[in-house]
Protein backbone atom coordinates (compact mmCIF):
# COMPACT_ATOMS: atom_id res chain seq x y z
CA PHE A 1 0.00 0.00 0.00
CA ASP A 2 0.95 3.56 -0.58
CA PRO A 3 1.08 5.17 2.92
CA ARG A 4 -1.60 7.71 1.92
CA GLU A 5 -3.94 4.93 0.80
CA LEU A 6 -3.30 3.03 4.02
CA MET A 7 -4.17 6.17 6.01
CA MET A 8 -7.41 6.53 4.02
CA HIS A 9 -8.35 2.93 4.90
CA ILE A 10 -7.59 3.48 8.58
CA GLU A 11 -9.50 6.76 8.69
CA ALA A 12 -12.51 5.13 6.98
CA HIS A 13 -12.58 2.33 9.57
CA LEU A 14 -12.26 4.77 12.47
CA ARG A 15 -14.97 7.03 11.04
CA ARG A 16 -17.36 4.12 10.58
CA ALA A 17 -16.67 2.77 14.06
CA ALA A 18 -17.42 6.17 15.60
CA MET A 19 -20.64 6.56 13.60
CA ARG A 20 -21.96 3.01 13.94
CA PRO A 21 -25.75 2.98 14.38
CA ALA A 22 -27.54 0.89 16.95
CA THR A 23 -27.48 -2.64 15.66
CA SER A 24 -30.73 -4.12 14.56
CA PRO A 25 -31.86 -7.40 16.03
CA ALA A 26 -30.57 -10.45 14.16
CA SER A 27 -33.94 -12.11 14.62
CA GLY A 28 -37.33 -10.84 15.53
CA THR A 29 -39.29 -8.05 13.95
CA ILE A 30 -38.73 -4.35 13.53
CA ALA A 31 -42.02 -2.49 13.24
CA VAL A 32 -42.41 1.21 12.50
CA GLY A 33 -46.03 2.09 11.91
CA ARG A 34 -47.31 0.12 8.92
CA LEU A 35 -43.75 -0.97 8.01
CA SER A 36 -42.70 -4.35 9.36
CA LEU A 37 -39.40 -6.16 8.83
CA ASP A 38 -39.03 -9.83 9.77
CA MET A 39 -35.30 -10.03 10.40
CA ALA A 40 -35.07 -13.83 10.54
CA GLN A 41 -36.87 -14.37 7.23
CA HIS A 42 -35.73 -11.18 5.46
CA ARG A 43 -39.32 -10.22 4.66
CA ALA A 44 -40.74 -6.74 4.54
CA THR A 45 -44.35 -5.64 4.54
CA LEU A 46 -45.95 -2.23 4.30
CA GLY A 47 -49.56 -2.04 5.37
CA GLY A 48 -49.69 -5.85 5.36
CA LYS A 49 -48.57 -6.07 1.72
CA PRO A 50 -45.25 -7.77 0.94
CA VAL A 51 -42.45 -5.60 -0.40
CA ALA A 52 -39.86 -7.41 -2.54
CA LEU A 53 -36.41 -6.22 -1.51
CA THR A 54 -32.91 -7.28 -2.48
CA PRO A 55 -30.65 -8.31 0.43
CA LYS A 56 -28.83 -4.95 0.38
CA GLU A 57 -32.10 -2.99 0.18
CA PHE A 58 -33.38 -4.99 3.14
CA LYS A 59 -30.24 -4.28 5.19
CA ILE A 60 -30.41 -0.57 4.43
CA LEU A 61 -34.11 -0.35 5.27
CA ALA A 62 -33.63 -2.41 8.45
CA THR A 63 -30.83 -0.07 9.54
CA LEU A 64 -33.06 2.96 9.01
CA ALA A 65 -36.03 1.27 10.71
CA ALA A 66 -33.93 0.25 13.73
CA SER A 67 -33.40 3.96 14.46
CA PRO A 68 -36.54 5.71 13.23
CA GLY A 69 -36.27 9.49 13.18
CA THR A 70 -32.48 9.35 13.46
CA VAL A 71 -30.36 10.69 10.62
CA LEU A 72 -27.89 8.07 9.43
CA SER A 73 -24.94 8.96 7.25
CA ARG A 74 -24.10 7.30 3.95
CA GLU A 75 -21.11 5.71 5.69
CA GLN A 76 -23.34 4.11 8.30
CA LEU A 77 -25.67 2.73 5.63
CA VAL A 78 -22.75 1.44 3.55
CA GLU A 79 -21.37 -0.36 6.59
CA ALA A 80 -24.77 -1.91 7.29
CA ALA A 81 -25.14 -3.17 3.71
CA TRP A 82 -21.54 -4.10 2.79
CA GLY A 83 -19.82 -4.46 6.14
CA PRO A 84 -17.00 -2.55 7.82
CA GLU A 85 -14.40 -3.82 5.35
CA PHE A 86 -15.89 -1.76 2.50
CA VAL A 87 -13.61 1.03 1.34
CA GLY A 88 -14.72 3.17 -1.54
CA GLU A 89 -17.38 5.58 -2.64
CA THR A 90 -20.63 5.79 -0.75
CA SER A 91 -22.53 7.21 -3.74
CA SER A 92 -24.16 3.84 -4.48
CA ILE A 93 -26.36 4.42 -1.42
CA THR A 94 -28.20 7.08 -3.45
CA VAL A 95 -29.18 4.44 -6.01
CA PHE A 96 -30.35 2.00 -3.32
CA ILE A 97 -32.40 4.73 -1.60
CA LYS A 98 -34.02 5.58 -4.94
CA LYS A 99 -34.93 1.90 -5.47
CA LEU A 100 -36.29 1.60 -1.92
CA ARG A 101 -38.41 4.72 -2.39
CA ALA A 102 -39.84 3.29 -5.62
CA LYS A 103 -40.95 0.23 -3.65
CA ILE A 104 -42.33 1.80 -0.45
CA GLU A 105 -43.31 5.40 -1.16
CA ALA A 106 -46.77 6.38 -2.42
CA ASP A 107 -45.03 9.01 -4.60
CA PRO A 108 -41.28 8.35 -4.94
CA THR A 109 -40.75 11.83 -6.41
CA GLU A 110 -42.05 13.34 -3.13
CA PRO A 111 -40.62 10.92 -0.54
CA ARG A 112 -42.09 11.00 2.94
CA ILE A 113 -40.98 7.69 4.47
CA ILE A 114 -37.26 7.92 3.67
CA GLU A 115 -36.21 11.55 3.93
CA THR A 116 -32.99 13.05 2.64
CA VAL A 117 -31.17 15.28 5.11
CA TRP A 118 -28.94 17.22 2.76
CA GLY A 119 -25.25 17.06 3.57
CA ILE A 120 -25.78 14.45 6.30
CA GLY A 121 -27.67 11.36 5.16
CA TYR A 122 -31.12 9.79 5.40
CA ARG A 123 -33.78 9.19 8.02
CA LEU A 124 -36.88 7.02 8.22
CA ASP A 125 -39.83 9.18 9.28
CA PRO A 126 -41.94 7.14 11.75
CA GLU A 127 -44.90 9.51 11.27
CA ALA A 128 -45.00 8.78 7.52
CA CYS A 129 -44.98 5.02 8.22
CA GLY A 130 -48.01 5.28 10.48
């Protein structure tokens, strides 16, 4: 490794460790209003209707749902979906959030459930899930 690249890896790990969200339960259910996530079976429902999610979409949504109302950074969501070893750009989170919104929002162009907090990250609005 080039020493600068090594420092970038170390800083990324330290940053993620300091910003780690509350871990979601490995089994059980996370429920926020009409949104329900069965952690053991990797199944999501909204208003009793199943929502087909990829494994990464499920992990991202579960991370947001485990801390409703809390703003989570892109780095925190990347770590939840790819693990702490991931080093690289966090811009792919934007694509996953867009896909999630298309699946759970009434109007994905005016998202209410997954809100963008500009310059910080994303938050799941528990009021919009109710």
